[in-house]
């Protein structure tokens, strides 16, 4: 059994349906913090803060750029956390230039800095899932910077 199968067997997977409203962003952060508190091992405060930031960015992008509901998926396996957010848009995220005057353009760059890797899986006509993979241990390891987009009909 692979790590994700083990996580499923151990009950360390949670799915939160979100309504796509602005208020669901804070609810997603709160549910994520609760999930991290129940992992069975201490998660360093800086990791909790980074994970909450990644969840905020992913859910915010879903709320702003895709109509309708979205979903938050959290899987913990072997000290790695997979954060997935699914939405109804089939358009993969693209980095934009940061513009403090206009606002925005920081999220994708921030995700890439905080996560070990980010993957996008597009599934027309249903939408896409953006996954960020993060270590749940103290900082110190060099993150792997990947950005993969997968799609299919």
N, C-alpha and C. Protein backbone atom coordinates (compact mmCIF):
# COMPACT_ATOMS: atom_id res chain seq x y z
N UNK A 1 0.85 -1.18 0.00
CA UNK A 1 0.00 0.00 0.00
C UNK A 1 0.90 1.24 0.00
N UNK A 2 0.58 2.21 -0.85
CA UNK A 2 1.39 3.44 -0.91
C UNK A 2 1.03 4.37 0.25
N UNK A 3 1.74 5.49 0.34
CA UNK A 3 1.55 6.42 1.46
C UNK A 3 0.13 6.95 1.53
N UNK A 4 -0.48 7.24 0.37
CA UNK A 4 -1.83 7.80 0.39
C UNK A 4 -2.86 6.73 0.75
N UNK A 5 -2.62 5.51 0.32
CA UNK A 5 -3.49 4.41 0.74
C UNK A 5 -3.40 4.22 2.24
N UNK A 6 -2.19 4.33 2.79
CA UNK A 6 -2.00 4.22 4.24
C UNK A 6 -2.71 5.36 4.97
N UNK A 7 -2.62 6.56 4.41
CA UNK A 7 -3.29 7.71 5.02
C UNK A 7 -4.79 7.50 5.03
N UNK A 8 -5.32 7.00 3.93
CA UNK A 8 -6.76 6.73 3.88
C UNK A 8 -7.14 5.67 4.91
N UNK A 9 -6.33 4.63 5.00
CA UNK A 9 -6.62 3.56 5.94
C UNK A 9 -6.55 4.07 7.38
N UNK A 10 -5.64 5.00 7.65
CA UNK A 10 -5.49 5.54 9.00
C UNK A 10 -6.48 6.67 9.29
N UNK A 11 -7.28 7.06 8.31
CA UNK A 11 -8.26 8.11 8.53
C UNK A 11 -7.68 9.50 8.53
N UNK A 12 -6.55 9.69 7.85
CA UNK A 12 -5.93 11.00 7.84
C UNK A 12 -6.23 11.74 6.54
N UNK A 13 -7.39 11.56 6.05
CA UNK A 13 -7.88 12.29 4.88
C UNK A 13 -9.18 12.95 5.29
N UNK A 14 -9.33 14.20 4.90
CA UNK A 14 -10.58 14.90 5.17
C UNK A 14 -10.97 15.70 3.95
N UNK A 15 -12.25 15.75 3.69
CA UNK A 15 -12.78 16.51 2.56
C UNK A 15 -13.79 17.50 3.13
N UNK A 16 -13.61 18.77 2.76
CA UNK A 16 -14.52 19.81 3.19
C UNK A 16 -15.17 20.45 1.98
N UNK A 17 -16.47 20.24 1.78
CA UNK A 17 -17.15 20.99 0.72
C UNK A 17 -17.28 22.45 1.15
N UNK A 18 -17.02 23.35 0.24
CA UNK A 18 -17.10 24.79 0.51
C UNK A 18 -18.10 25.41 -0.46
N UNK A 19 -18.81 26.44 0.00
CA UNK A 19 -19.87 27.01 -0.82
C UNK A 19 -19.38 28.03 -1.85
N UNK A 20 -18.11 28.38 -1.84
CA UNK A 20 -17.59 29.32 -2.83
C UNK A 20 -17.77 30.78 -2.44
N UNK A 21 -18.26 31.03 -1.24
CA UNK A 21 -18.42 32.42 -0.78
C UNK A 21 -17.11 32.91 -0.17
N UNK A 22 -17.00 34.20 0.01
CA UNK A 22 -15.81 34.79 0.64
C UNK A 22 -15.61 34.21 2.04
N UNK A 23 -16.69 33.96 2.76
CA UNK A 23 -16.59 33.44 4.12
C UNK A 23 -15.99 32.05 4.21
N UNK A 24 -16.03 31.30 3.12
CA UNK A 24 -15.49 29.93 3.18
C UNK A 24 -13.97 29.92 3.28
N UNK A 25 -13.32 31.02 2.97
CA UNK A 25 -11.85 31.08 3.05
C UNK A 25 -11.41 30.95 4.51
N UNK A 26 -12.01 31.71 5.39
CA UNK A 26 -11.69 31.62 6.82
C UNK A 26 -12.09 30.27 7.39
N UNK A 27 -13.24 29.74 6.96
CA UNK A 27 -13.66 28.42 7.44
C UNK A 27 -12.66 27.35 7.01
N UNK A 28 -12.13 27.45 5.81
CA UNK A 28 -11.14 26.48 5.32
C UNK A 28 -9.87 26.54 6.17
N UNK A 29 -9.43 27.76 6.51
CA UNK A 29 -8.24 27.90 7.38
C UNK A 29 -8.49 27.26 8.74
N UNK A 30 -9.65 27.53 9.32
CA UNK A 30 -9.98 26.97 10.63
C UNK A 30 -10.05 25.46 10.61
N UNK A 31 -10.64 24.89 9.59
CA UNK A 31 -10.73 23.44 9.48
C UNK A 31 -9.34 22.83 9.28
N UNK A 32 -8.50 23.54 8.55
CA UNK A 32 -7.14 23.06 8.33
C UNK A 32 -6.36 23.05 9.64
N UNK A 33 -6.47 24.11 10.41
CA UNK A 33 -5.78 24.15 11.71
C UNK A 33 -6.27 23.01 12.61
N UNK A 34 -7.57 22.76 12.61
CA UNK A 34 -8.12 21.67 13.42
C UNK A 34 -7.56 20.33 12.95
N UNK A 35 -7.49 20.13 11.64
CA UNK A 35 -6.93 18.89 11.08
C UNK A 35 -5.49 18.71 11.53
N UNK A 36 -4.68 19.78 11.45
CA UNK A 36 -3.28 19.69 11.85
C UNK A 36 -3.14 19.38 13.34
N UNK A 37 -4.08 19.87 14.15
CA UNK A 37 -4.06 19.60 15.57
C UNK A 37 -4.39 18.17 15.93
N UNK A 38 -4.96 17.42 14.96
CA UNK A 38 -5.35 16.04 15.22
C UNK A 38 -4.47 15.04 14.47
N UNK A 39 -3.29 15.47 14.05
CA UNK A 39 -2.42 14.59 13.25
C UNK A 39 -1.72 13.52 14.06
N UNK A 40 -1.73 13.62 15.37
CA UNK A 40 -1.08 12.61 16.18
C UNK A 40 0.38 12.90 16.45
N UNK A 41 0.88 13.99 15.93
CA UNK A 41 2.24 14.43 16.22
C UNK A 41 2.24 15.95 16.16
N UNK A 42 3.16 16.57 16.90
CA UNK A 42 3.17 18.04 16.89
C UNK A 42 3.59 18.59 15.53
N UNK A 43 2.89 19.61 15.10
CA UNK A 43 3.24 20.31 13.87
C UNK A 43 3.79 21.67 14.28
N UNK A 44 5.03 21.99 13.87
CA UNK A 44 5.63 23.27 14.29
C UNK A 44 4.75 24.46 13.91
N UNK A 45 4.71 25.49 14.78
CA UNK A 45 3.86 26.66 14.52
C UNK A 45 4.14 27.34 13.18
N UNK A 46 5.41 27.37 12.75
CA UNK A 46 5.70 28.01 11.46
C UNK A 46 5.13 27.19 10.31
N UNK A 47 5.07 25.87 10.46
CA UNK A 47 4.47 25.03 9.43
C UNK A 47 2.96 25.26 9.41
N UNK A 48 2.34 25.33 10.58
CA UNK A 48 0.89 25.60 10.65
C UNK A 48 0.58 26.93 9.96
N UNK A 49 1.39 27.95 10.21
CA UNK A 49 1.17 29.26 9.58
C UNK A 49 1.33 29.18 8.06
N UNK A 50 2.37 28.47 7.60
CA UNK A 50 2.57 28.34 6.15
C UNK A 50 1.44 27.57 5.50
N UNK A 51 1.00 26.49 6.15
CA UNK A 51 -0.12 25.70 5.61
C UNK A 51 -1.38 26.55 5.54
N UNK A 52 -1.67 27.32 6.58
CA UNK A 52 -2.85 28.19 6.58
C UNK A 52 -2.77 29.22 5.46
N UNK A 53 -1.59 29.73 5.19
CA UNK A 53 -1.41 30.69 4.09
C UNK A 53 -1.67 30.02 2.75
N UNK A 54 -1.16 28.81 2.56
CA UNK A 54 -1.37 28.10 1.31
C UNK A 54 -2.86 27.79 1.11
N UNK A 55 -3.52 27.34 2.16
CA UNK A 55 -4.97 27.07 2.07
C UNK A 55 -5.71 28.35 1.70
N UNK A 56 -5.36 29.46 2.35
CA UNK A 56 -6.01 30.74 2.03
C UNK A 56 -5.84 31.10 0.57
N UNK A 57 -4.63 30.96 0.06
CA UNK A 57 -4.37 31.31 -1.34
C UNK A 57 -5.14 30.41 -2.29
N UNK A 58 -5.11 29.10 -2.05
CA UNK A 58 -5.80 28.18 -2.95
C UNK A 58 -7.31 28.40 -2.95
N UNK A 59 -7.89 28.54 -1.76
CA UNK A 59 -9.35 28.74 -1.67
C UNK A 59 -9.73 30.11 -2.22
N UNK A 60 -8.93 31.12 -1.93
CA UNK A 60 -9.22 32.45 -2.49
C UNK A 60 -9.22 32.42 -4.01
N UNK A 61 -8.24 31.76 -4.60
CA UNK A 61 -8.20 31.65 -6.06
C UNK A 61 -9.44 30.96 -6.60
N UNK A 62 -9.89 29.90 -5.92
CA UNK A 62 -11.10 29.21 -6.36
C UNK A 62 -12.32 30.12 -6.26
N UNK A 63 -12.43 30.86 -5.16
CA UNK A 63 -13.58 31.74 -4.96
C UNK A 63 -13.58 32.87 -6.00
N UNK A 64 -12.43 33.44 -6.27
CA UNK A 64 -12.34 34.60 -7.16
C UNK A 64 -12.44 34.22 -8.63
N UNK A 65 -11.84 33.08 -9.01
CA UNK A 65 -11.71 32.76 -10.44
C UNK A 65 -12.63 31.67 -10.95
N UNK A 66 -13.43 31.05 -10.10
CA UNK A 66 -14.31 29.96 -10.55
C UNK A 66 -15.69 30.15 -9.94
N UNK A 67 -16.73 30.04 -10.74
CA UNK A 67 -18.08 30.18 -10.18
C UNK A 67 -18.49 28.95 -9.38
N UNK A 68 -19.27 29.17 -8.36
CA UNK A 68 -19.87 28.05 -7.63
C UNK A 68 -19.03 27.48 -6.52
N UNK A 69 -19.42 26.29 -6.08
CA UNK A 69 -18.77 25.69 -4.92
C UNK A 69 -17.36 25.19 -5.26
N UNK A 70 -16.63 24.90 -4.18
CA UNK A 70 -15.29 24.32 -4.33
C UNK A 70 -15.12 23.31 -3.20
N UNK A 71 -14.02 22.62 -3.21
CA UNK A 71 -13.77 21.63 -2.16
C UNK A 71 -12.33 21.69 -1.70
N UNK A 72 -12.12 21.46 -0.41
CA UNK A 72 -10.80 21.40 0.19
C UNK A 72 -10.54 19.97 0.61
N UNK A 73 -9.39 19.43 0.21
CA UNK A 73 -8.99 18.08 0.55
C UNK A 73 -7.67 18.15 1.28
N UNK A 74 -7.56 17.47 2.40
CA UNK A 74 -6.32 17.42 3.17
C UNK A 74 -5.96 15.96 3.38
N UNK A 75 -4.74 15.60 3.02
CA UNK A 75 -4.24 14.24 3.22
C UNK A 75 -2.88 14.35 3.90
N UNK A 76 -2.73 13.66 5.03
CA UNK A 76 -1.45 13.63 5.72
C UNK A 76 -0.91 12.22 5.65
N UNK A 77 0.32 12.08 5.13
CA UNK A 77 0.95 10.78 5.03
C UNK A 77 2.46 10.96 5.11
N UNK A 78 3.06 10.25 6.04
CA UNK A 78 4.51 10.24 6.17
C UNK A 78 5.11 11.64 6.24
N UNK A 79 4.56 12.47 7.09
CA UNK A 79 5.04 13.83 7.34
C UNK A 79 4.90 14.75 6.14
N UNK A 80 4.08 14.37 5.17
CA UNK A 80 3.79 15.27 4.05
C UNK A 80 2.28 15.55 4.06
N UNK A 81 1.94 16.79 3.82
CA UNK A 81 0.55 17.19 3.74
C UNK A 81 0.24 17.54 2.29
N UNK A 82 -0.80 16.95 1.77
CA UNK A 82 -1.30 17.33 0.46
C UNK A 82 -2.55 18.17 0.68
N UNK A 83 -2.52 19.37 0.12
CA UNK A 83 -3.65 20.29 0.19
C UNK A 83 -4.20 20.39 -1.22
N UNK A 84 -5.42 19.97 -1.41
CA UNK A 84 -6.04 20.07 -2.73
C UNK A 84 -7.27 20.95 -2.66
N UNK A 85 -7.42 21.80 -3.65
CA UNK A 85 -8.64 22.59 -3.77
C UNK A 85 -9.18 22.40 -5.18
N UNK A 86 -10.40 21.92 -5.25
CA UNK A 86 -11.07 21.71 -6.53
C UNK A 86 -12.08 22.82 -6.75
N UNK A 87 -12.21 23.23 -8.01
CA UNK A 87 -13.21 24.24 -8.35
C UNK A 87 -13.81 23.92 -9.71
N UNK A 88 -14.69 24.76 -10.18
CA UNK A 88 -15.44 24.49 -11.40
C UNK A 88 -14.79 25.02 -12.68
N UNK A 89 -13.68 25.70 -12.57
CA UNK A 89 -13.01 26.26 -13.75
C UNK A 89 -12.03 25.25 -14.34
N UNK A 90 -11.97 25.18 -15.66
CA UNK A 90 -10.99 24.33 -16.32
C UNK A 90 -9.75 25.12 -16.76
N UNK A 91 -9.68 26.38 -16.36
CA UNK A 91 -8.54 27.23 -16.73
C UNK A 91 -7.46 27.08 -15.66
N UNK A 92 -6.28 26.58 -16.04
CA UNK A 92 -5.22 26.45 -15.03
C UNK A 92 -4.71 27.81 -14.58
N UNK A 93 -4.27 27.91 -13.34
CA UNK A 93 -3.72 29.18 -12.87
C UNK A 93 -2.43 29.52 -13.60
N UNK A 94 -2.21 30.80 -13.78
CA UNK A 94 -0.98 31.28 -14.42
C UNK A 94 -0.39 32.37 -13.55
N UNK A 95 0.93 32.34 -13.42
CA UNK A 95 1.56 33.41 -12.64
C UNK A 95 1.34 34.76 -13.31
N UNK A 96 1.09 35.76 -12.50
CA UNK A 96 0.98 37.14 -13.00
C UNK A 96 2.07 37.96 -12.36
N UNK A 97 2.36 39.06 -12.96
CA UNK A 97 3.30 39.99 -12.35
C UNK A 97 2.64 40.61 -11.13
N UNK A 98 3.39 40.67 -10.05
CA UNK A 98 2.88 41.30 -8.83
C UNK A 98 2.75 42.80 -9.06
N UNK A 99 1.64 43.34 -8.62
CA UNK A 99 1.39 44.76 -8.80
C UNK A 99 0.71 45.31 -7.55
N UNK A 100 1.48 45.90 -6.63
CA UNK A 100 0.89 46.43 -5.39
C UNK A 100 -0.18 47.49 -5.64
N UNK A 101 -0.03 48.27 -6.71
CA UNK A 101 -1.01 49.32 -6.99
C UNK A 101 -2.34 48.71 -7.43
N UNK A 102 -2.30 47.68 -8.26
CA UNK A 102 -3.51 47.03 -8.76
C UNK A 102 -4.04 46.02 -7.76
N UNK A 103 -3.11 45.45 -7.00
CA UNK A 103 -3.48 44.37 -6.08
C UNK A 103 -3.44 43.05 -6.81
N UNK A 104 -2.99 42.04 -6.13
CA UNK A 104 -2.96 40.71 -6.71
C UNK A 104 -1.64 40.39 -7.41
N UNK A 105 -1.59 39.15 -7.90
CA UNK A 105 -0.41 38.69 -8.60
C UNK A 105 0.63 38.08 -7.68
N UNK A 106 0.32 37.97 -6.40
CA UNK A 106 1.30 37.45 -5.44
C UNK A 106 1.08 35.97 -5.14
N UNK A 107 -0.15 35.50 -5.29
CA UNK A 107 -0.55 34.18 -4.81
C UNK A 107 0.23 33.02 -5.37
N UNK A 108 0.35 32.93 -6.69
CA UNK A 108 1.03 31.78 -7.31
C UNK A 108 2.50 31.76 -6.90
N UNK A 109 3.11 32.92 -6.84
CA UNK A 109 4.52 33.00 -6.44
C UNK A 109 4.68 32.58 -4.98
N UNK A 110 3.74 32.98 -4.14
CA UNK A 110 3.77 32.60 -2.74
C UNK A 110 3.58 31.09 -2.58
N UNK A 111 2.63 30.53 -3.31
CA UNK A 111 2.42 29.08 -3.26
C UNK A 111 3.70 28.34 -3.63
N UNK A 112 4.33 28.77 -4.69
CA UNK A 112 5.56 28.11 -5.16
C UNK A 112 6.68 28.24 -4.14
N UNK A 113 6.68 29.32 -3.36
CA UNK A 113 7.73 29.51 -2.36
C UNK A 113 7.48 28.65 -1.13
N UNK A 114 6.22 28.50 -0.72
CA UNK A 114 5.91 27.78 0.51
C UNK A 114 5.77 26.28 0.33
N UNK A 115 5.29 25.84 -0.82
CA UNK A 115 5.06 24.41 -1.04
C UNK A 115 6.29 23.76 -1.66
N UNK A 116 6.46 22.48 -1.37
CA UNK A 116 7.54 21.73 -2.01
C UNK A 116 7.28 21.58 -3.50
N UNK A 117 6.02 21.37 -3.84
CA UNK A 117 5.64 21.32 -5.25
C UNK A 117 4.16 21.63 -5.36
N UNK A 118 3.77 22.06 -6.55
CA UNK A 118 2.38 22.39 -6.85
C UNK A 118 2.01 21.68 -8.15
N UNK A 119 0.86 21.06 -8.16
CA UNK A 119 0.37 20.38 -9.36
C UNK A 119 -1.05 20.84 -9.64
N UNK A 120 -1.38 20.90 -10.92
CA UNK A 120 -2.73 21.25 -11.35
C UNK A 120 -3.23 20.11 -12.22
N UNK A 121 -4.40 19.62 -11.89
CA UNK A 121 -5.02 18.56 -12.68
C UNK A 121 -6.35 19.11 -13.22
N UNK A 122 -6.41 19.27 -14.55
CA UNK A 122 -7.61 19.80 -15.20
C UNK A 122 -8.43 18.62 -15.72
N UNK A 123 -9.71 18.64 -15.43
CA UNK A 123 -10.62 17.57 -15.85
C UNK A 123 -11.86 18.17 -16.52
N UNK A 124 -11.74 18.53 -17.81
CA UNK A 124 -12.92 19.05 -18.50
C UNK A 124 -14.02 18.01 -18.54
N UNK A 125 -15.23 18.35 -18.42
CA UNK A 125 -15.80 19.68 -18.24
C UNK A 125 -16.01 20.04 -16.77
N UNK A 126 -15.50 19.22 -15.85
CA UNK A 126 -15.84 19.38 -14.44
C UNK A 126 -15.06 20.47 -13.73
N UNK A 127 -13.85 20.73 -14.12
CA UNK A 127 -13.06 21.75 -13.43
C UNK A 127 -11.62 21.30 -13.25
N UNK A 128 -11.03 21.75 -12.17
CA UNK A 128 -9.63 21.43 -11.91
C UNK A 128 -9.41 21.28 -10.41
N UNK A 129 -8.29 20.66 -10.08
CA UNK A 129 -7.83 20.58 -8.70
C UNK A 129 -6.39 21.07 -8.68
N UNK A 130 -6.11 21.99 -7.78
CA UNK A 130 -4.75 22.47 -7.56
C UNK A 130 -4.28 21.87 -6.25
N UNK A 131 -3.14 21.17 -6.30
CA UNK A 131 -2.60 20.52 -5.11
C UNK A 131 -1.25 21.12 -4.75
N UNK A 132 -1.09 21.40 -3.48
CA UNK A 132 0.19 21.84 -2.94
C UNK A 132 0.66 20.77 -1.97
N UNK A 133 1.91 20.41 -2.08
CA UNK A 133 2.50 19.37 -1.24
C UNK A 133 3.49 20.05 -0.29
N UNK A 134 3.30 19.81 1.01
CA UNK A 134 4.13 20.49 2.01
C UNK A 134 4.63 19.49 3.04
N UNK A 135 5.87 19.69 3.48
CA UNK A 135 6.43 18.91 4.59
C UNK A 135 5.80 19.42 5.88
N UNK A 136 5.57 18.52 6.81
CA UNK A 136 4.97 18.90 8.09
C UNK A 136 6.02 18.94 9.19
N UNK A 137 7.27 19.06 8.80
CA UNK A 137 8.36 19.14 9.75
C UNK A 137 8.95 20.54 9.72
N UNK A 138 9.83 20.81 10.65
CA UNK A 138 10.44 22.14 10.73
C UNK A 138 11.20 22.46 9.46
N UNK A 139 11.31 23.74 9.19
CA UNK A 139 12.02 24.21 8.00
C UNK A 139 13.47 23.77 8.06
N UNK A 140 14.09 23.78 6.89
CA UNK A 140 15.50 23.42 6.83
C UNK A 140 15.82 22.62 5.60
N UNK A 141 14.83 21.93 5.07
CA UNK A 141 15.09 21.20 3.83
C UNK A 141 14.85 22.12 2.65
N UNK A 142 15.53 21.84 1.59
CA UNK A 142 15.39 22.65 0.38
C UNK A 142 14.17 22.17 -0.39
N UNK A 143 13.19 23.05 -0.62
CA UNK A 143 12.01 22.63 -1.35
C UNK A 143 12.32 22.30 -2.81
N UNK A 144 11.56 21.38 -3.33
CA UNK A 144 11.64 21.04 -4.75
C UNK A 144 10.63 21.93 -5.46
N UNK A 145 11.06 22.67 -6.44
CA UNK A 145 10.17 23.59 -7.14
C UNK A 145 9.67 22.94 -8.43
N UNK A 146 8.44 22.52 -8.39
CA UNK A 146 7.83 21.94 -9.57
C UNK A 146 6.50 22.62 -9.82
N UNK A 147 6.11 22.64 -11.05
CA UNK A 147 4.81 23.16 -11.42
C UNK A 147 4.34 22.30 -12.57
N UNK A 148 3.40 21.42 -12.30
CA UNK A 148 2.92 20.54 -13.34
C UNK A 148 1.44 20.79 -13.59
N UNK A 149 1.08 20.80 -14.84
CA UNK A 149 -0.33 20.89 -15.21
C UNK A 149 -0.65 19.63 -15.98
N UNK A 150 -1.67 18.92 -15.51
CA UNK A 150 -2.12 17.72 -16.19
C UNK A 150 -3.56 17.95 -16.62
N UNK A 151 -3.90 17.41 -17.72
CA UNK A 151 -5.28 17.56 -18.18
C UNK A 151 -5.69 16.35 -18.97
N UNK A 152 -6.93 16.33 -19.25
CA UNK A 152 -7.43 15.23 -20.03
C UNK A 152 -8.91 15.35 -20.21
N UNK A 153 -9.38 14.67 -21.19
CA UNK A 153 -10.79 14.73 -21.50
C UNK A 153 -11.54 13.71 -20.85
